[in-house]
Structures are given as structure tokens and as C-alpha cells.
Protein backbone atom coordinates (compact mmCIF):
# COMPACT_ATOMS: atom_id res chain seq x y z
CA MET A 1 19.56 -13.93 -27.84
CA GLY A 2 20.15 -10.32 -26.90
CA SER A 3 17.03 -9.22 -28.77
CA ASP A 4 14.81 -11.32 -26.51
CA SER A 5 15.96 -9.52 -23.40
CA GLU A 6 15.59 -6.17 -25.19
CA ALA A 7 12.07 -7.10 -26.26
CA GLU A 8 11.23 -8.16 -22.70
CA LYS A 9 12.63 -4.89 -21.35
CA ALA A 10 10.60 -2.90 -23.87
CA GLN A 11 7.48 -4.86 -22.95
CA GLN A 12 8.12 -4.25 -19.24
CA LYS A 13 8.59 -0.50 -19.86
CA GLU A 14 5.34 -0.39 -21.84
CA LYS A 15 3.53 -2.14 -18.97
CA GLU A 16 4.95 0.38 -16.45
CA ARG A 17 3.92 3.26 -18.70
CA LYS A 18 0.36 1.95 -18.93
CA LYS A 19 0.22 1.61 -15.13
CA MET A 20 1.29 5.22 -14.73
CA LEU A 21 -1.34 6.43 -17.24
CA ALA A 22 -4.16 4.71 -15.33
CA ILE A 23 -3.41 6.52 -12.07
CA ALA A 24 -6.19 8.77 -10.75
CA PRO A 25 -5.52 12.50 -10.38
CA ILE A 26 -6.17 12.42 -6.60
CA ALA A 27 -3.47 9.78 -6.00
CA LYS A 28 -1.13 11.94 -3.93
CA PRO A 29 1.22 11.18 -2.19
CA LEU A 30 2.18 8.56 -4.78
CA ALA A 31 5.05 6.28 -3.79
CA GLY A 32 8.05 6.26 -6.11
CA LYS A 33 9.56 3.00 -7.37
CA LYS A 34 11.78 2.45 -4.33
CA LEU A 35 9.16 3.37 -1.72
CA CYS A 36 6.53 1.35 -3.59
CA LYS A 37 8.76 -1.73 -3.47
CA LYS A 38 9.40 -1.26 0.28
CA THR A 39 5.71 -0.68 0.97
CA LEU A 40 4.59 -3.78 -0.93
CA LYS A 41 7.24 -5.81 0.90
CA LEU A 42 5.81 -4.58 4.23
CA VAL A 43 2.28 -5.48 3.04
CA ARG A 44 3.52 -8.98 2.11
CA ARG A 45 5.15 -9.48 5.50
CA ALA A 46 2.05 -8.16 7.31
CA ALA A 47 -0.17 -10.54 5.32
CA GLU A 48 2.00 -13.49 6.37
CA HIS A 49 1.54 -12.57 10.04
CA LYS A 50 -2.18 -11.67 9.82
CA CYS A 51 -1.53 -7.96 10.52
CA LEU A 52 -3.50 -6.75 7.50
CA LYS A 53 -6.99 -5.44 6.77
CA ARG A 54 -7.98 -5.76 3.10
CA GLY A 55 -10.62 -3.84 1.16
CA VAL A 56 -12.41 -0.54 1.64
CA LYS A 57 -15.07 -1.88 4.01
CA GLU A 58 -12.60 -3.55 6.41
CA VAL A 59 -10.19 -0.61 6.33
CA VAL A 60 -12.92 1.96 7.07
CA LYS A 61 -14.30 -0.20 9.87
CA SER A 62 -10.83 -0.55 11.44
CA ILE A 63 -10.13 3.19 11.20
CA ARG A 64 -13.47 4.04 12.79
CA ARG A 65 -12.76 1.58 15.62
CA GLY A 66 -9.51 3.42 16.34
CA GLN A 67 -6.94 0.91 15.10
CA LYS A 68 -3.68 2.51 13.96
CA GLY A 69 -1.44 1.53 11.09
CA LEU A 70 -0.33 2.47 7.58
CA CYS A 71 -3.00 2.76 4.90
CA VAL A 72 -1.86 1.74 1.42
CA ILE A 73 -4.24 2.76 -1.36
CA ALA A 74 -4.14 1.73 -5.02
CA GLY A 75 -3.92 4.66 -7.44
CA ASN A 76 -5.59 3.03 -10.45
CA ILE A 77 -9.10 2.52 -9.04
CA SER A 78 -12.04 3.12 -11.32
CA PRO A 79 -14.47 4.66 -10.40
CA ILE A 80 -12.37 6.74 -8.03
CA ASP A 81 -15.45 7.54 -5.87
CA VAL A 82 -15.02 4.14 -4.21
CA ILE A 83 -11.97 5.32 -2.23
CA THR A 84 -12.21 9.12 -2.09
CA HIS A 85 -13.35 9.08 1.56
CA VAL A 86 -10.48 6.88 2.81
CA PRO A 87 -7.72 9.57 2.80
CA ILE A 88 -10.03 11.93 4.69
CA LEU A 89 -10.71 9.30 7.35
CA CYS A 90 -6.98 8.61 7.60
CA GLU A 91 -6.16 12.30 8.09
CA GLU A 92 -8.84 12.68 10.76
CA ALA A 93 -7.54 9.61 12.62
CA ASP A 94 -3.91 10.73 12.14
CA ILE A 95 -3.04 7.60 10.14
CA PRO A 96 -0.34 7.89 7.46
CA TYR A 97 -1.42 6.85 3.97
CA VAL A 98 0.30 6.40 0.63
CA TYR A 99 -0.81 5.51 -2.89
CA VAL A 100 0.81 2.76 -4.95
CA PRO A 101 0.38 2.62 -8.75
CA SER A 102 -1.37 -0.74 -9.14
CA LYS A 103 -4.25 -2.51 -7.40
CA GLU A 104 -3.07 -5.81 -8.88
CA ASP A 105 0.38 -5.45 -7.27
CA LEU A 106 -1.26 -4.51 -3.98
CA ALA A 107 -3.43 -7.64 -4.11
CA THR A 108 -0.44 -9.86 -4.89
CA ALA A 109 1.47 -8.41 -1.95
CA GLY A 110 -1.59 -8.82 0.27
CA ALA A 111 -1.86 -12.53 -0.62
CA THR A 112 -5.18 -12.31 -2.49
CA LYS A 113 -6.02 -13.12 -6.09
CA ARG A 114 -8.61 -10.36 -6.39
CA PRO A 115 -7.37 -6.79 -7.06
CA THR A 116 -7.53 -4.76 -3.83
CA CYS A 117 -8.38 -1.05 -3.49
CA CYS A 118 -6.70 -0.47 -0.16
CA VAL A 119 -5.11 -2.23 2.80
CA LEU A 120 -4.36 -1.20 6.37
CA VAL A 121 -1.09 -2.53 7.76
CA LEU A 122 -1.38 -3.01 11.53
CA THR A 123 1.64 -3.21 13.82
CA LYS A 124 0.26 -6.18 15.74
CA PRO A 125 -2.16 -8.95 14.71
CA THR A 126 -5.85 -8.66 15.61
CA LYS A 127 -5.91 -12.19 17.05
CA GLY A 128 -3.08 -13.99 18.81
CA GLU A 129 0.47 -12.87 19.36
CA LEU A 130 3.67 -12.73 17.34
CA SER A 131 7.09 -13.79 18.52
CA PRO A 132 9.06 -10.78 19.81
CA GLU A 133 11.61 -10.87 16.97
CA GLU A 134 8.89 -11.00 14.27
CA GLN A 135 7.05 -8.15 16.02
CA GLU A 136 10.28 -6.14 16.10
CA LYS A 137 10.97 -6.78 12.37
CA ILE A 138 7.51 -5.61 11.30
CA LYS A 139 7.68 -2.61 13.65
CA ALA A 140 11.10 -1.58 12.26
CA ASP A 141 9.95 -1.83 8.62
CA TYR A 142 6.73 -0.03 9.52
CA SER A 143 8.60 2.84 11.21
CA LEU A 144 10.98 3.20 8.27
CA ILE A 145 8.17 3.38 5.71
CA VAL A 146 6.04 5.73 7.83
CA ALA A 147 9.04 8.08 8.06
CA ASP A 148 9.47 7.97 4.27
CA VAL A 149 5.73 8.54 3.74
CA SER A 150 5.62 11.52 6.12
CA GLU A 151 8.67 12.99 4.36
CA LEU A 152 6.94 12.54 0.99
CA THR A 153 3.71 14.08 2.33
CA SER A 154 5.48 17.08 3.86
CA SER A 155 7.27 17.80 0.56
CA LEU A 156 3.91 17.65 -1.22
CA PHE A 157 1.77 19.90 0.97
């Protein structure tokens, strides 16, 4: 009975190791385990309330139109050329961005079945309104994660 759980743990560790090996060299700032979990939770909550832009095309369009938010980019994209321009656009528009290890995890959090390169978490939905308490919850989580991301970025550069 104990060997099953040990085998599962070993399998899980192997899966995590493979994820970390597939990460592109430009994936900086890369979220650690704790920040990654918080970020994916924010993405999940934003997807529930329609405060999310999915995919490179939508994210770039939103950034160019001047919408603000948190850009979450997958670190295991191949070919990497698909997303190399996104961090530059984010820096020019003064939008915080962070890399997460897996595009599959990002897609699951964003409520899509297809692996997603990047998402833009908006503080308010594009259409309609949220109740004030839901708006406040998302805003609080957003602020917390943006603070962590800026701290991570400042320690990097």
C-alpha cells in the first residue's frame, strides 16, 4: 500500500522534472511553485468572470488597444518565436508579465482544452459588470500577484 503512494510521488516528480527541462531559455521571470499556483488560481478566477484574454493574437490586440492587466506566458512553447514579441510589448505598455512552466496547466486554469501560449488577466470584464465583492476579490488577488511579480522581476534585473 505504501509503495503505491511512493510510486505515484516518483511519477509526479518525474513529470515536474520533464516540465522544467522543456522550459525555454528566455522564460524569465519564471514563477516559482508558490507564485505559479497563485497565478494559475487568479487565471481560473478571471476565466470564470470573463476577465481573460487567451492566445497570442488576442493578448497582443488587447495590449495594443491599451488594456491593462497581468500577462501570464507559458515557458514551454515551441517554437519560442511565437511569443518572443509579447514580453517586449508588455514592457513598452508597462504591463507586468510572468512565465509559468506549462502551457497545459495555463490552458486548464484558463478553462480551455487546447494548450495556451499566453493569457492576459484583466481587472474588469470586457462586457458587462461584476458584483462589487467579486470585483474586489479579483482586484485583491491581482494586486498581490503583481506585487510578487514585480519583486521577482526586480531581483532578476
